[in-house]
Amino acid sequence: MRALVAAAIGMAAAFALVLAVTAIGPPGGRTSPKPLLTTVPAHP
């Protein structure tokens, strides 16, 4: 029974965290125009 209560508390905490992040919204600012490197440079 204690495990069920602990699982319910954990799920409630996770749900509250998701709601809080959703309410705050995405951070301001812009993304970098430079693309990330996806290939390994050639060895000399």
N, C-alpha and C. Protein backbone atom coordinates (compact mmCIF):
# COMPACT_ATOMS: atom_id res chain seq x y z
N MET A 1 0.83 -1.20 0.00
CA MET A 1 0.00 0.00 0.00
C MET A 1 0.87 1.26 0.00
N ARG A 2 1.97 1.21 0.76
CA ARG A 2 2.87 2.37 0.79
C ARG A 2 3.48 2.65 -0.58
N ALA A 3 3.74 1.58 -1.33
CA ALA A 3 4.31 1.77 -2.67
C ALA A 3 3.31 2.47 -3.58
N LEU A 4 2.05 2.14 -3.43
CA LEU A 4 1.02 2.79 -4.24
C LEU A 4 0.90 4.27 -3.90
N VAL A 5 0.99 4.60 -2.62
CA VAL A 5 0.93 6.00 -2.20
C VAL A 5 2.16 6.75 -2.71
N ALA A 6 3.33 6.12 -2.61
CA ALA A 6 4.55 6.76 -3.10
C ALA A 6 4.49 6.98 -4.60
N ALA A 7 3.95 6.03 -5.33
CA ALA A 7 3.82 6.19 -6.78
C ALA A 7 2.85 7.32 -7.12
N ALA A 8 1.76 7.41 -6.37
CA ALA A 8 0.80 8.49 -6.61
C ALA A 8 1.40 9.85 -6.31
N ILE A 9 2.19 9.95 -5.25
CA ILE A 9 2.85 11.22 -4.92
C ILE A 9 3.86 11.59 -6.01
N GLY A 10 4.61 10.61 -6.49
CA GLY A 10 5.57 10.88 -7.56
C GLY A 10 4.90 11.33 -8.84
N MET A 11 3.80 10.70 -9.19
CA MET A 11 3.07 11.10 -10.39
C MET A 11 2.49 12.50 -10.24
N ALA A 12 1.99 12.82 -9.06
CA ALA A 12 1.44 14.16 -8.83
C ALA A 12 2.54 15.21 -8.92
N ALA A 13 3.71 14.91 -8.38
CA ALA A 13 4.83 15.86 -8.45
C ALA A 13 5.27 16.06 -9.90
N ALA A 14 5.36 14.99 -10.67
CA ALA A 14 5.75 15.10 -12.07
C ALA A 14 4.72 15.90 -12.87
N PHE A 15 3.44 15.65 -12.60
CA PHE A 15 2.38 16.38 -13.30
C PHE A 15 2.42 17.87 -12.94
N ALA A 16 2.69 18.18 -11.66
CA ALA A 16 2.78 19.58 -11.25
C ALA A 16 3.98 20.26 -11.92
N LEU A 17 5.07 19.53 -12.07
CA LEU A 17 6.24 20.10 -12.73
C LEU A 17 5.94 20.39 -14.20
N VAL A 18 5.25 19.48 -14.87
CA VAL A 18 4.89 19.69 -16.27
C VAL A 18 3.96 20.89 -16.40
N LEU A 19 2.99 21.00 -15.51
CA LEU A 19 2.09 22.16 -15.55
C LEU A 19 2.84 23.47 -15.31
N ALA A 20 3.79 23.46 -14.38
CA ALA A 20 4.55 24.67 -14.09
C ALA A 20 5.38 25.09 -15.30
N VAL A 21 6.05 24.15 -15.93
CA VAL A 21 6.87 24.47 -17.10
C VAL A 21 5.99 24.95 -18.25
N THR A 22 4.83 24.34 -18.41
CA THR A 22 3.91 24.76 -19.46
C THR A 22 3.39 26.17 -19.19
N ALA A 23 3.11 26.50 -17.95
CA ALA A 23 2.60 27.83 -17.62
C ALA A 23 3.66 28.90 -17.82
N ILE A 24 4.91 28.58 -17.54
CA ILE A 24 5.99 29.55 -17.71
C ILE A 24 6.22 29.84 -19.19
N GLY A 25 6.17 28.82 -20.02
CA GLY A 25 6.36 29.00 -21.45
C GLY A 25 7.82 28.88 -21.85
N PRO A 26 8.09 28.97 -23.13
CA PRO A 26 9.47 28.83 -23.61
C PRO A 26 10.30 30.05 -23.23
N PRO A 27 11.59 29.87 -23.04
CA PRO A 27 12.44 31.01 -22.71
C PRO A 27 12.58 31.96 -23.89
N GLY A 28 12.84 33.22 -23.60
CA GLY A 28 13.02 34.19 -24.66
C GLY A 28 14.37 34.05 -25.32
N GLY A 29 14.55 34.76 -26.39
CA GLY A 29 15.83 34.71 -27.08
C GLY A 29 15.69 34.06 -28.44
N ARG A 30 16.80 33.99 -29.13
CA ARG A 30 16.80 33.40 -30.46
C ARG A 30 17.77 32.24 -30.51
N THR A 31 17.56 31.36 -31.47
CA THR A 31 18.47 30.24 -31.64
C THR A 31 19.66 30.67 -32.49
N SER A 32 20.70 29.91 -32.42
CA SER A 32 21.91 30.23 -33.18
C SER A 32 21.68 29.96 -34.66
N PRO A 33 22.13 30.87 -35.54
CA PRO A 33 21.98 30.62 -36.98
C PRO A 33 22.97 29.59 -37.50
N LYS A 34 24.03 29.30 -36.73
CA LYS A 34 25.05 28.35 -37.18
C LYS A 34 24.56 26.92 -36.93
N PRO A 35 24.66 26.05 -37.94
CA PRO A 35 24.23 24.67 -37.72
C PRO A 35 25.26 23.91 -36.90
N LEU A 36 24.81 22.87 -36.26
CA LEU A 36 25.72 22.03 -35.50
C LEU A 36 26.51 21.16 -36.46
N LEU A 37 27.75 20.83 -36.07
CA LEU A 37 28.57 19.95 -36.89
C LEU A 37 28.03 18.53 -36.76
N THR A 38 27.79 17.88 -37.88
CA THR A 38 27.26 16.52 -37.85
C THR A 38 28.22 15.51 -38.45
N THR A 39 29.35 16.00 -38.97
CA THR A 39 30.33 15.08 -39.56
C THR A 39 31.66 15.25 -38.84
N VAL A 40 32.46 14.20 -38.88
CA VAL A 40 33.78 14.24 -38.25
C VAL A 40 34.75 14.84 -39.25
N PRO A 41 35.56 15.80 -38.84
CA PRO A 41 36.56 16.37 -39.77
C PRO A 41 37.57 15.31 -40.23
N ALA A 42 38.06 15.47 -41.43
CA ALA A 42 39.05 14.52 -41.96
C ALA A 42 40.35 14.65 -41.19
N HIS A 43 41.01 13.52 -40.96
CA HIS A 43 42.29 13.52 -40.27
C HIS A 43 43.39 13.95 -41.26
N PRO A 44 44.37 14.68 -40.77
CA PRO A 44 45.45 15.13 -41.68
C PRO A 44 46.36 13.99 -42.09
